[in-house]
Amino acid sequence: MPKTPETRQIVDGLREAAPEIADWHVLHWDVQRLNAQPCSIPEQPSGR
């Protein structure tokens, strides 16, 4: 079945946007993974 010009335009736009969408997806899951890590705050030296 041949694609209409509108369908081709949509598909081309999605293909163009795909790398950026994938980058945002990876970033989102990296942030989720980092937020799940235990946080340790170094003690401040008491030099007063």
Protein backbone atom coordinates (compact mmCIF):
# COMPACT_ATOMS: atom_id res chain seq x y z
CA MET A 1 0.00 0.00 0.00
CA PRO A 2 1.57 3.34 -1.00
CA LYS A 3 2.03 5.96 1.69
CA THR A 4 0.36 9.33 1.40
CA PRO A 5 2.53 12.46 1.54
CA GLU A 6 1.14 13.16 5.01
CA THR A 7 2.11 9.70 6.23
CA ARG A 8 5.60 10.08 4.76
CA GLN A 9 5.97 13.46 6.47
CA ILE A 10 4.94 12.00 9.84
CA VAL A 11 7.27 9.01 9.47
CA ASP A 12 10.16 11.28 8.44
CA GLY A 13 9.53 13.52 11.45
CA LEU A 14 9.48 10.55 13.81
CA ARG A 15 12.70 9.18 12.34
CA GLU A 16 14.35 12.58 12.76
CA ALA A 17 13.18 12.87 16.37
CA ALA A 18 14.00 9.27 17.36
CA PRO A 19 17.65 9.82 18.42
CA GLU A 20 16.74 12.72 20.72
CA ILE A 21 13.80 10.79 22.18
CA ALA A 22 16.09 7.82 22.84
CA ASP A 23 18.62 10.12 24.55
CA TRP A 24 15.91 11.55 26.83
CA HIS A 25 14.71 8.02 27.63
CA VAL A 26 18.22 6.91 28.60
CA LEU A 27 18.73 10.07 30.68
CA HIS A 28 15.44 9.50 32.50
CA TRP A 29 16.42 5.96 33.51
CA ASP A 30 19.95 7.04 34.46
CA VAL A 31 18.44 9.63 36.82
CA GLN A 32 16.05 7.01 38.24
CA ARG A 33 18.95 4.61 38.83
CA LEU A 34 21.07 7.31 40.48
CA ASN A 35 18.19 8.41 42.71
CA ALA A 36 17.89 4.83 43.95
CA GLN A 37 21.53 4.79 45.09
CA PRO A 38 22.22 5.41 48.77
CA CYS A 39 23.54 8.88 49.40
CA SER A 40 26.47 9.47 51.71
CA ILE A 41 27.30 13.02 52.71
CA PRO A 42 30.88 13.57 53.89
CA GLU A 43 31.22 14.98 57.38
CA GLN A 44 32.25 18.60 57.62
CA PRO A 45 35.56 19.16 59.42
CA SER A 46 35.09 20.90 62.75
CA GLY A 47 38.10 23.17 62.65
CA ARG A 48 36.75 26.11 64.67
